[in-house]
Amino acid sequence: MPVVPMKEIVDRAFRDRYGVAAINVVNDLTMEAVLAAAVAERSPLIVQTSVKTVRSIGIDLLFAMWREMTAGIEVPVSLHLDHCPDRSFISDCLRKGWNSVLFDGSRLPVAENLRLTIDIVAEARSYGAHVEGEIEAITGVEDDIGSDEEANRESLPVALDFIRKTGIDVFAPAIGNAHGVYRSEPHLDAQRVSDIVAAEPIPIALHGGTGMTDAQFTDLISRGCAKVNISTALKITYMKSNLAFLLDARDRDTWDPPSLFTSVRAAVLEMAAGHMRRFGSVGRAW
């Protein structure tokens, strides 16, 4: 199974009402681990990269890693650029071979966001790629992008007008979700997802998935959230598994980097696989 267009993955999930994990990776180890989880669980997967991660690794090296790790892969996977407000950077990633992008114009006036998104959709189509769009900022700062101030939500007619005029493939509404770690169980406006989908049947992206309950995931996926973003959970798993191993290594005065990598990989793989099970995508590979 080669790398497939993001739309092919989310459209199937939307139709059959399961969720596909869209996991933000931070390096080669985490990319390989989440891909291995998808193969083990026979699950489709969207691998996400933040602007910060692409710039820290380098666009050429990161894409070379992706190309090598997905050569001959047996499950449908897609590479997505997450939350990017930089128009030229979006062009760079599309040109290089990213399968989809999220233009983050949420801090712009809706009319300006709409104008730029229409242009990005046209460019993406020329590469056979797809676009996720949003008109409201998701609360929280992630990889240096965003704000802790909650943005006002636009009306349903404004959201539908944006979806229809831009021709985006996935829509990410604000429903009380947030990036980062929730201090308490989030109160989510699930009805907003249903209202959008009833008026315009488009796959919905659920941002800020880390920390939501199983019941919330199940409910939102049943309403049309076909793409479920997981970033903070990977970062926490990656950092804590490194820390636990290193503290134990210090106590034992045994220093073996390959053993560290093996341990961290196992933790990241299980985190990814656990989310695939929760979202109902296990065994959905085609």
C-alpha atoms as a PDB file:
ATOM      1  CA  MET A   1       0.000   0.000   0.000  1.00  0.00           C
ATOM      2  CA  PRO A   2       1.649   3.229  -1.111  1.00  0.00           C
ATOM      3  CA  VAL A   3       1.234   6.599   0.568  1.00  0.00           C
ATOM      4  CA  VAL A   4      -2.293   7.766  -0.243  1.00  0.00           C
ATOM      5  CA  PRO A   5      -4.008  11.164  -0.443  1.00  0.00           C
ATOM      6  CA  MET A   6      -5.259  12.437   2.910  1.00  0.00           C
ATOM      7  CA  LYS A   7      -8.763  12.851   1.496  1.00  0.00           C
ATOM      8  CA  GLU A   8      -8.939   9.139   0.702  1.00  0.00           C
ATOM      9  CA  ILE A   9      -8.216   8.338   4.353  1.00  0.00           C
ATOM     10  CA  VAL A  10     -10.599  10.828   5.948  1.00  0.00           C
ATOM     11  CA  ASP A  11     -13.455  10.289   3.492  1.00  0.00           C
ATOM     12  CA  ARG A  12     -13.557   6.576   4.313  1.00  0.00           C
ATOM     13  CA  ALA A  13     -13.398   7.292   8.036  1.00  0.00           C
ATOM     14  CA  PHE A  14     -16.167   9.884   7.738  1.00  0.00           C
ATOM     15  CA  ARG A  15     -18.368   7.518   5.757  1.00  0.00           C
ATOM     16  CA  ASP A  16     -17.942   4.606   8.170  1.00  0.00           C
ATOM     17  CA  ARG A  17     -17.753   6.767  11.319  1.00  0.00           C
ATOM     18  CA  TYR A  18     -14.399   5.850  12.769  1.00  0.00           C
ATOM     19  CA  GLY A  19     -11.545   8.182  13.630  1.00  0.00           C
ATOM     20  CA  VAL A  20      -8.061   8.247  12.136  1.00  0.00           C
ATOM     21  CA  ALA A  21      -5.233   9.268  14.438  1.00  0.00           C
ATOM     22  CA  ALA A  22      -3.302  12.263  13.110  1.00  0.00           C
ATOM     23  CA  ILE A  23      -0.156  12.150  15.213  1.00  0.00           C
ATOM     24  CA  ASN A  24       2.468  14.885  15.346  1.00  0.00           C
ATOM     25  CA  VAL A  25       5.966  13.414  15.201  1.00  0.00           C
ATOM     26  CA  VAL A  26       9.117  15.182  16.362  1.00  0.00           C
ATOM     27  CA  ASN A  27      12.006  13.129  14.929  1.00  0.00           C
ATOM     28  CA  ASP A  28      12.937   9.931  13.098  1.00  0.00           C
ATOM     29  CA  LEU A  29      12.304   7.678  16.100  1.00  0.00           C
ATOM     30  CA  THR A  30       8.761   8.921  16.655  1.00  0.00           C
ATOM     31  CA  MET A  31       7.947   8.806  12.944  1.00  0.00           C
ATOM     32  CA  GLU A  32       9.107   5.196  12.676  1.00  0.00           C
ATOM     33  CA  ALA A  33       7.289   4.197  15.870  1.00  0.00           C
ATOM     34  CA  VAL A  34       3.874   5.576  14.882  1.00  0.00           C
ATOM     35  CA  LEU A  35       4.187   4.042  11.412  1.00  0.00           C
ATOM     36  CA  ALA A  36       5.054   0.706  13.028  1.00  0.00           C
ATOM     37  CA  ALA A  37       1.974   1.035  15.239  1.00  0.00           C
ATOM     38  CA  ALA A  38      -0.213   1.569  12.179  1.00  0.00           C
ATOM     39  CA  VAL A  39       1.210  -1.546  10.523  1.00  0.00           C
ATOM     40  CA  ALA A  40       0.789  -3.620  13.691  1.00  0.00           C
ATOM     41  CA  GLU A  41      -2.818  -2.495  14.151  1.00  0.00           C
ATOM     42  CA  ARG A  42      -3.701  -2.576  10.430  1.00  0.00           C
ATOM     43  CA  SER A  43      -4.848   1.005  10.784  1.00  0.00           C
ATOM     44  CA  PRO A  44      -4.724   4.023   8.481  1.00  0.00           C
ATOM     45  CA  LEU A  45      -2.635   6.874   9.871  1.00  0.00           C
ATOM     46  CA  ILE A  46      -1.982  10.541   9.230  1.00  0.00           C
ATOM     47  CA  VAL A  47       1.532  11.584  10.225  1.00  0.00           C
ATOM     48  CA  GLN A  48       1.618  15.269  11.106  1.00  0.00           C
ATOM     49  CA  THR A  49       4.570  17.637  11.171  1.00  0.00           C
ATOM     50  CA  SER A  50       4.560  21.059  12.744  1.00  0.00           C
ATOM     51  CA  VAL A  51       6.327  23.994  11.144  1.00  0.00           C
ATOM     52  CA  LYS A  52       8.763  23.953  14.070  1.00  0.00           C
ATOM     53  CA  THR A  53       9.619  20.283  13.537  1.00  0.00           C
ATOM     54  CA  VAL A  54      10.093  20.650   9.775  1.00  0.00           C
ATOM     55  CA  ARG A  55      12.397  23.604  10.283  1.00  0.00           C
ATOM     56  CA  SER A  56      14.393  21.942  13.051  1.00  0.00           C
ATOM     57  CA  ILE A  57      15.046  18.777  11.026  1.00  0.00           C
ATOM     58  CA  GLY A  58      15.097  20.391   7.596  1.00  0.00           C
ATOM     59  CA  ILE A  59      12.475  19.927   4.914  1.00  0.00           C
ATOM     60  CA  ASP A  60      14.687  17.784   2.667  1.00  0.00           C
ATOM     61  CA  LEU A  61      15.856  15.446   5.424  1.00  0.00           C
ATOM     62  CA  LEU A  62      12.410  15.067   6.977  1.00  0.00           C
ATOM     63  CA  PHE A  63      10.808  14.202   3.655  1.00  0.00           C
ATOM     64  CA  ALA A  64      13.629  11.778   2.872  1.00  0.00           C
ATOM     65  CA  MET A  65      12.929  10.061   6.215  1.00  0.00           C
ATOM     66  CA  TRP A  66       9.238   9.843   5.326  1.00  0.00           C
ATOM     67  CA  ARG A  67       9.931   8.480   1.866  1.00  0.00           C
ATOM     68  CA  GLU A  68      12.270   5.766   3.135  1.00  0.00           C
ATOM     69  CA  MET A  69      10.075   4.751   6.087  1.00  0.00           C
ATOM     70  CA  THR A  70       6.929   4.444   3.970  1.00  0.00           C
ATOM     71  CA  ALA A  71       8.476   2.624   1.017  1.00  0.00           C
ATOM     72  CA  GLY A  72       6.401  -0.539   0.622  1.00  0.00           C
ATOM     73  CA  ILE A  73       4.298   0.167   3.714  1.00  0.00           C
ATOM     74  CA  GLU A  74       1.269  -2.126   4.027  1.00  0.00           C
ATOM     75  CA  VAL A  75      -1.300   0.341   5.378  1.00  0.00           C
ATOM     76  CA  PRO A  76      -2.649   3.668   4.058  1.00  0.00           C
ATOM     77  CA  VAL A  77      -0.677   6.612   5.426  1.00  0.00           C
ATOM     78  CA  SER A  78      -0.471  10.295   4.574  1.00  0.00           C
ATOM     79  CA  LEU A  79       1.854  13.193   5.468  1.00  0.00           C
ATOM     80  CA  HIS A  80       0.241  16.396   6.744  1.00  0.00           C
ATOM     81  CA  LEU A  81       1.611  19.845   7.584  1.00  0.00           C
ATOM     82  CA  ASP A  82      -0.116  21.007  10.749  1.00  0.00           C
ATOM     83  CA  HIS A  83      -1.051  24.611  11.702  1.00  0.00           C
ATOM     84  CA  CYS A  84       0.967  26.684   9.263  1.00  0.00           C
ATOM     85  CA  PRO A  85       0.316  30.438   9.013  1.00  0.00           C
ATOM     86  CA  ASP A  86       3.242  30.941   6.601  1.00  0.00           C
ATOM     87  CA  ARG A  87       1.965  30.994   3.021  1.00  0.00           C
ATOM     88  CA  SER A  88       5.370  30.459   1.413  1.00  0.00           C
ATOM     89  CA  PHE A  89       6.198  27.560   3.746  1.00  0.00           C
ATOM     90  CA  ILE A  90       2.988  25.830   2.676  1.00  0.00           C
ATOM     91  CA  SER A  91       4.158  26.117  -0.931  1.00  0.00           C
ATOM     92  CA  ASP A  92       7.550  24.660   0.020  1.00  0.00           C
ATOM     93  CA  CYS A  93       5.963  21.602   1.622  1.00  0.00           C
ATOM     94  CA  LEU A  94       3.474  21.026  -1.185  1.00  0.00           C
ATOM     95  CA  ARG A  95       6.279  21.267  -3.720  1.00  0.00           C
ATOM     96  CA  LYS A  96       8.361  18.781  -1.747  1.00  0.00           C
ATOM     97  CA  GLY A  97       5.552  16.217  -1.576  1.00  0.00           C
ATOM     98  CA  TRP A  98       3.416  16.690   1.543  1.00  0.00           C
ATOM     99  CA  ASN A  99      -0.011  15.132   0.981  1.00  0.00           C
ATOM    100  CA  SER A 100      -1.997  17.815   2.799  1.00  0.00           C
ATOM    101  CA  VAL A 101      -1.666  21.076   4.694  1.00  0.00           C
ATOM    102  CA  LEU A 102      -3.550  23.078   7.300  1.00  0.00           C
ATOM    103  CA  PHE A 103      -3.410  26.769   6.535  1.00  0.00           C
ATOM    104  CA  ASP A 104      -3.783  28.464   9.907  1.00  0.00           C
ATOM    105  CA  GLY A 105      -5.457  31.730   8.985  1.00  0.00           C
ATOM    106  CA  SER A 106      -7.542  31.688  12.141  1.00  0.00           C
ATOM    107  CA  ARG A 107      -6.145  34.995  13.383  1.00  0.00           C
ATOM    108  CA  LEU A 108      -7.048  36.743  10.143  1.00  0.00           C
ATOM    109  CA  PRO A 109     -10.391  38.337   9.298  1.00  0.00           C
ATOM    110  CA  VAL A 110     -12.612  35.620   7.825  1.00  0.00           C
ATOM    111  CA  ALA A 111     -12.681  37.297   4.400  1.00  0.00           C
ATOM    112  CA  GLU A 112      -8.874  37.360   4.195  1.00  0.00           C
ATOM    113  CA  ASN A 113      -8.604  33.800   5.501  1.00  0.00           C
ATOM    114  CA  LEU A 114     -11.123  32.707   2.864  1.00  0.00           C
ATOM    115  CA  ARG A 115      -9.256  34.460   0.041  1.00  0.00           C
ATOM    116  CA  LEU A 116      -5.924  32.889   0.969  1.00  0.00           C
ATOM    117  CA  THR A 117      -7.431  29.447   1.557  1.00  0.00           C
ATOM    118  CA  ILE A 118      -9.029  29.458  -1.917  1.00  0.00           C
ATOM    119  CA  ASP A 119      -5.573  30.150  -3.361  1.00  0.00           C
ATOM    120  CA  ILE A 120      -3.970  27.385  -1.267  1.00  0.00           C
ATOM    121  CA  VAL A 121      -6.629  24.857  -2.292  1.00  0.00           C
ATOM    122  CA  ALA A 122      -5.934  25.634  -5.953  1.00  0.00           C
ATOM    123  CA  GLU A 123      -2.194  25.188  -5.417  1.00  0.00           C
ATOM    124  CA  ALA A 124      -2.664  21.960  -3.470  1.00  0.00           C
ATOM    125  CA  ARG A 125      -4.845  20.520  -6.225  1.00  0.00           C
ATOM    126  CA  SER A 126      -2.040  21.100  -8.725  1.00  0.00           C
ATOM    127  CA  TYR A 127       0.082  18.696  -6.657  1.00  0.00           C
ATOM    128  CA  GLY A 128      -2.708  16.205  -5.995  1.00  0.00           C
ATOM    129  CA  ALA A 129      -2.748  17.325  -2.353  1.00  0.00           C
ATOM    130  CA  HIS A 130      -5.521  18.353   0.035  1.00  0.00           C
ATOM    131  CA  VAL A 131      -6.299  21.136   2.489  1.00  0.00           C
ATOM    132  CA  GLU A 132      -7.672  21.388   5.994  1.00  0.00           C
ATOM    133  CA  GLY A 133      -9.155  24.740   6.912  1.00  0.00           C
ATOM    134  CA  GLU A 134     -10.219  26.599  10.018  1.00  0.00           C
ATOM    135  CA  ILE A 135     -11.718  29.982  10.799  1.00  0.00           C
ATOM    136  CA  GLU A 136     -11.295  30.029  14.582  1.00  0.00           C
ATOM    137  CA  ALA A 137      -8.151  29.601  16.612  1.00  0.00           C
ATOM    138  CA  ILE A 138      -7.914  26.533  18.818  1.00  0.00           C
ATOM    139  CA  THR A 139      -7.070  27.675  22.342  1.00  0.00           C
ATOM    140  CA  GLY A 140      -3.494  27.006  23.424  1.00  0.00           C
ATOM    141  CA  VAL A 141       0.023  27.399  22.062  1.00  0.00           C
ATOM    142  CA  GLU A 142       1.532  24.438  20.222  1.00  0.00           C
ATOM    143  CA  ASP A 143       5.012  24.491  18.699  1.00  0.00           C
ATOM    144  CA  ASP A 144       5.114  28.288  19.049  1.00  0.00           C
ATOM    145  CA  ILE A 145       1.850  28.779  17.127  1.00  0.00           C
ATOM    146  CA  GLY A 146      -1.428  29.849  18.721  1.00  0.00           C
ATOM    147  CA  SER A 147      -2.690  31.760  21.740  1.00  0.00           C
ATOM    148  CA  ASP A 148      -4.040  30.946  25.189  1.00  0.00           C
ATOM    149  CA  GLU A 149      -6.926  33.340  24.582  1.00  0.00           C
ATOM    150  CA  GLU A 150     -10.085  31.629  23.359  1.00  0.00           C
ATOM    151  CA  ALA A 151     -11.274  33.021  20.039  1.00  0.00           C
ATOM    152  CA  ASN A 152     -14.887  33.847  19.332  1.00  0.00           C
ATOM    153  CA  ARG A 153     -16.747  31.197  17.383  1.00  0.00           C
ATOM    154  CA  GLU A 154     -18.256  32.157  14.070  1.00  0.00           C
ATOM    155  CA  SER A 155     -21.889  31.491  13.229  1.00  0.00           C
ATOM    156  CA  LEU A 156     -22.981  28.369  11.357  1.00  0.00           C
ATOM    157  CA  PRO A 157     -23.717  30.332   8.138  1.00  0.00           C
ATOM    158  CA  VAL A 158     -20.203  31.838   8.213  1.00  0.00           C
ATOM    159  CA  ALA A 159     -18.622  28.397   8.709  1.00  0.00           C
ATOM    160  CA  LEU A 160     -20.684  26.857   5.902  1.00  0.00           C
ATOM    161  CA  ASP A 161     -19.888  29.733   3.541  1.00  0.00           C
ATOM    162  CA  PHE A 162     -16.177  29.236   4.225  1.00  0.00           C
ATOM    163  CA  ILE A 163     -16.363  25.493   3.594  1.00  0.00           C
ATOM    164  CA  ARG A 164     -18.312  25.866   0.363  1.00  0.00           C
ATOM    165  CA  LYS A 165     -16.388  28.747  -1.154  1.00  0.00           C
ATOM    166  CA  THR A 166     -12.905  27.439  -0.358  1.00  0.00           C
ATOM    167  CA  GLY A 167     -13.491  23.813  -1.372  1.00  0.00           C
ATOM    168  CA  ILE A 168     -11.459  22.543   1.598  1.00  0.00           C
ATOM    169  CA  ASP A 169     -11.381  18.795   2.242  1.00  0.00           C
ATOM    170  CA  VAL A 170     -11.470  18.849   6.059  1.00  0.00           C
ATOM    171  CA  PHE A 171     -12.813  21.478   8.443  1.00  0.00           C
ATOM    172  CA  ALA A 172     -11.518  22.138  11.969  1.00  0.00           C
ATOM    173  CA  PRO A 173     -14.114  23.987  14.077  1.00  0.00           C
ATOM    174  CA  ALA A 174     -13.546  25.292  17.584  1.00  0.00           C
ATOM    175  CA  ILE A 175     -15.826  23.391  19.975  1.00  0.00           C
ATOM    176  CA  GLY A 176     -14.191  24.152  23.317  1.00  0.00           C
ATOM    177  CA  ASN A 177     -11.166  21.987  22.534  1.00  0.00           C
ATOM    178  CA  ALA A 178      -7.623  23.140  23.288  1.00  0.00           C
ATOM    179  CA  HIS A 179      -4.014  22.318  22.531  1.00  0.00           C
ATOM    180  CA  GLY A 180      -1.867  21.134  25.412  1.00  0.00           C
ATOM    181  CA  VAL A 181      -2.968  19.512  28.673  1.00  0.00           C
ATOM    182  CA  TYR A 182      -6.509  20.055  29.930  1.00  0.00           C
ATOM    183  CA  ARG A 183      -6.657  21.027  33.599  1.00  0.00           C
ATOM    184  CA  SER A 184     -10.062  19.346  33.873  1.00  0.00           C
ATOM    185  CA  GLU A 185     -12.383  17.406  31.588  1.00  0.00           C
ATOM    186  CA  PRO A 186     -13.179  19.744  28.673  1.00  0.00           C
ATOM    187  CA  HIS A 187     -16.735  20.863  28.014  1.00  0.00           C
ATOM    188  CA  LEU A 188     -17.243  20.373  24.299  1.00  0.00           C
ATOM    189  CA  ASP A 189     -19.921  21.710  21.969  1.00  0.00           C
ATOM    190  CA  ALA A 190     -20.523  18.429  20.166  1.00  0.00           C
ATOM    191  CA  GLN A 191     -23.750  19.733  18.652  1.00  0.00           C
ATOM    192  CA  ARG A 192     -21.741  22.196  16.583  1.00  0.00           C
ATOM    193  CA  VAL A 193     -20.095  19.255  14.801  1.00  0.00           C
ATOM    194  CA  SER A 194     -23.499  17.739  14.075  1.00  0.00           C
ATOM    195  CA  ASP A 195     -24.904  21.042  12.822  1.00  0.00           C
ATOM    196  CA  ILE A 196     -22.018  21.547  10.391  1.00  0.00           C
ATOM    197  CA  VAL A 197     -22.085  17.976   9.093  1.00  0.00           C
ATOM    198  CA  ALA A 198     -25.876  17.998   8.671  1.00  0.00           C
ATOM    199  CA  ALA A 199     -25.657  21.103   6.493  1.00  0.00           C
ATOM    200  CA  GLU A 200     -22.425  20.236   4.701  1.00  0.00           C
ATOM    201  CA  PRO A 201     -21.187  16.616   4.937  1.00  0.00           C
ATOM    202  CA  ILE A 202     -17.460  17.254   5.298  1.00  0.00           C
ATOM    203  CA  PRO A 203     -14.964  15.317   7.456  1.00  0.00           C
ATOM    204  CA  ILE A 204     -14.273  17.206  10.669  1.00  0.00           C
ATOM    205  CA  ALA A 205     -10.832  17.492  12.285  1.00  0.00           C
ATOM    206  CA  LEU A 206     -10.820  17.277  16.065  1.00  0.00           C
ATOM    207  CA  HIS A 207      -7.893  19.225  17.473  1.00  0.00           C
ATOM    208  CA  GLY A 208      -6.640  19.008  21.047  1.00  0.00           C
ATOM    209  CA  GLY A 209      -7.412  15.320  21.403  1.00  0.00           C
ATOM    210  CA  THR A 210      -4.948  14.620  24.205  1.00  0.00           C
ATOM    211  CA  GLY A 211      -6.857  14.364  27.476  1.00  0.00           C
ATOM    212  CA  MET A 212     -10.359  13.851  26.098  1.00  0.00           C
ATOM    213  CA  THR A 213     -12.336  10.937  27.501  1.00  0.00           C
ATOM    214  CA  ASP A 214     -13.203   7.788  25.591  1.00  0.00           C
ATOM    215  CA  ALA A 215     -16.868   8.790  25.745  1.00  0.00           C
ATOM    216  CA  GLN A 216     -16.071  12.178  24.188  1.00  0.00           C
ATOM    217  CA  PHE A 217     -14.024  10.580  21.423  1.00  0.00           C
ATOM    218  CA  THR A 218     -16.767   8.045  20.654  1.00  0.00           C
ATOM    219  CA  ASP A 219     -19.465  10.715  20.559  1.00  0.00           C
ATOM    220  CA  LEU A 220     -17.533  13.167  18.401  1.00  0.00           C
ATOM    221  CA  ILE A 221     -16.343  10.501  15.962  1.00  0.00           C
ATOM    222  CA  SER A 222     -19.949   9.297  15.563  1.00  0.00           C
ATOM    223  CA  ARG A 223     -20.908  12.882  14.644  1.00  0.00           C
ATOM    224  CA  GLY A 224     -18.274  13.161  11.894  1.00  0.00           C
ATOM    225  CA  CYS A 225     -14.855  13.814  13.481  1.00  0.00           C
ATOM    226  CA  ALA A 226     -12.876  11.617  11.118  1.00  0.00           C
ATOM    227  CA  LYS A 227      -9.419  13.095  11.802  1.00  0.00           C
ATOM    228  CA  VAL A 228      -8.332  13.182  15.454  1.00  0.00           C
ATOM    229  CA  ASN A 229      -5.178  15.146  16.229  1.00  0.00           C
ATOM    230  CA  ILE A 230      -2.756  13.826  18.835  1.00  0.00           C
ATOM    231  CA  SER A 231       0.338  15.893  19.617  1.00  0.00           C
ATOM    232  CA  THR A 232       0.724  16.505  23.339  1.00  0.00           C
ATOM    233  CA  ALA A 233       0.348  12.804  24.183  1.00  0.00           C
ATOM    234  CA  LEU A 234       3.283  11.961  21.935  1.00  0.00           C
ATOM    235  CA  LYS A 235       5.450  14.701  23.412  1.00  0.00           C
ATOM    236  CA  ILE A 236       4.659  13.621  26.976  1.00  0.00           C
ATOM    237  CA  THR A 237       5.257   9.947  26.184  1.00  0.00           C
ATOM    238  CA  TYR A 238       8.509  10.704  24.393  1.00  0.00           C
ATOM    239  CA  MET A 239       9.910  12.955  27.111  1.00  0.00           C
ATOM    240  CA  LYS A 240       8.768  10.888  30.100  1.00  0.00           C
ATOM    241  CA  SER A 241       9.994   7.593  28.646  1.00  0.00           C
ATOM    242  CA  ASN A 242      13.385   9.179  27.981  1.00  0.00           C
ATOM    243  CA  LEU A 243      13.496  10.556  31.508  1.00  0.00           C
ATOM    244  CA  ALA A 244      12.475   7.274  33.163  1.00  0.00           C
ATOM    245  CA  PHE A 245      15.106   5.322  31.250  1.00  0.00           C
ATOM    246  CA  LEU A 246      17.857   7.846  31.964  1.00  0.00           C
ATOM    247  CA  LEU A 247      17.086   8.013  35.677  1.00  0.00           C
ATOM    248  CA  ASP A 248      17.276   4.230  35.851  1.00  0.00           C
ATOM    249  CA  ALA A 249      20.504   4.262  33.819  1.00  0.00           C
ATOM    250  CA  ARG A 250      21.985   6.758  36.259  1.00  0.00           C
ATOM    251  CA  ASP A 251      21.025   4.580  39.225  1.00  0.00           C
ATOM    252  CA  ARG A 252      22.567   1.525  37.574  1.00  0.00           C
ATOM    253  CA  ASP A 253      25.465   3.510  36.112  1.00  0.00           C
ATOM    254  CA  THR A 254      24.810   1.773  32.799  1.00  0.00           C
ATOM    255  CA  TRP A 255      24.845   3.901  29.670  1.00  0.00           C
ATOM    256  CA  ASP A 256      23.637   2.276  26.446  1.00  0.00           C
ATOM    257  CA  PRO A 257      21.994   4.609  23.896  1.00  0.00           C
ATOM    258  CA  PRO A 258      20.534   1.831  21.681  1.00  0.00           C
ATOM    259  CA  SER A 259      18.668   0.467  24.711  1.00  0.00           C
ATOM    260  CA  LEU A 260      17.306   3.963  25.366  1.00  0.00           C
ATOM    261  CA  PHE A 261      16.036   4.223  21.792  1.00  0.00           C
ATOM    262  CA  THR A 262      14.408   0.780  21.974  1.00  0.00           C
ATOM    263  CA  SER A 263      12.634   1.646  25.213  1.00  0.00           C
ATOM    264  CA  VAL A 264      11.352   5.005  23.993  1.00  0.00           C
ATOM    265  CA  ARG A 265      10.236   3.533  20.674  1.00  0.00           C
ATOM    266  CA  ALA A 266       8.178   0.893  22.483  1.00  0.00           C
ATOM    267  CA  ALA A 267       6.473   3.557  24.610  1.00  0.00           C
ATOM    268  CA  VAL A 268       5.629   5.758  21.612  1.00  0.00           C
ATOM    269  CA  LEU A 269       4.405   2.779  19.589  1.00  0.00           C
ATOM    270  CA  GLU A 270       2.045   1.694  22.357  1.00  0.00           C
ATOM    271  CA  MET A 271       0.748   5.251  22.821  1.00  0.00           C
ATOM    272  CA  ALA A 272      -0.058   5.469  19.103  1.00  0.00           C
ATOM    273  CA  ALA A 273      -1.609   1.997  18.961  1.00  0.00           C
ATOM    274  CA  GLY A 274      -3.735   2.779  22.005  1.00  0.00           C
ATOM    275  CA  HIS A 275      -5.250   5.797  20.287  1.00  0.00           C
ATOM    276  CA  MET A 276      -5.942   3.790  17.132  1.00  0.00           C
ATOM    277  CA  ARG A 277      -7.877   1.289  19.246  1.00  0.00           C
ATOM    278  CA  ARG A 278      -9.813   4.060  20.966  1.00  0.00           C
ATOM    279  CA  PHE A 279     -10.758   5.656  17.661  1.00  0.00           C
ATOM    280  CA  GLY A 280     -11.995   2.434  16.036  1.00  0.00           C
ATOM    281  CA  SER A 281      -9.512   2.445  13.138  1.00  0.00           C
ATOM    282  CA  VAL A 282      -7.886  -0.923  13.931  1.00  0.00           C
ATOM    283  CA  GLY A 283      -8.255  -3.343  11.041  1.00  0.00           C
ATOM    284  CA  ARG A 284      -9.496  -0.593   8.708  1.00  0.00           C
ATOM    285  CA  ALA A 285      -6.511  -0.763   6.356  1.00  0.00           C
ATOM    286  CA  TRP A 286      -7.401  -1.534   2.746  1.00  0.00           C
END
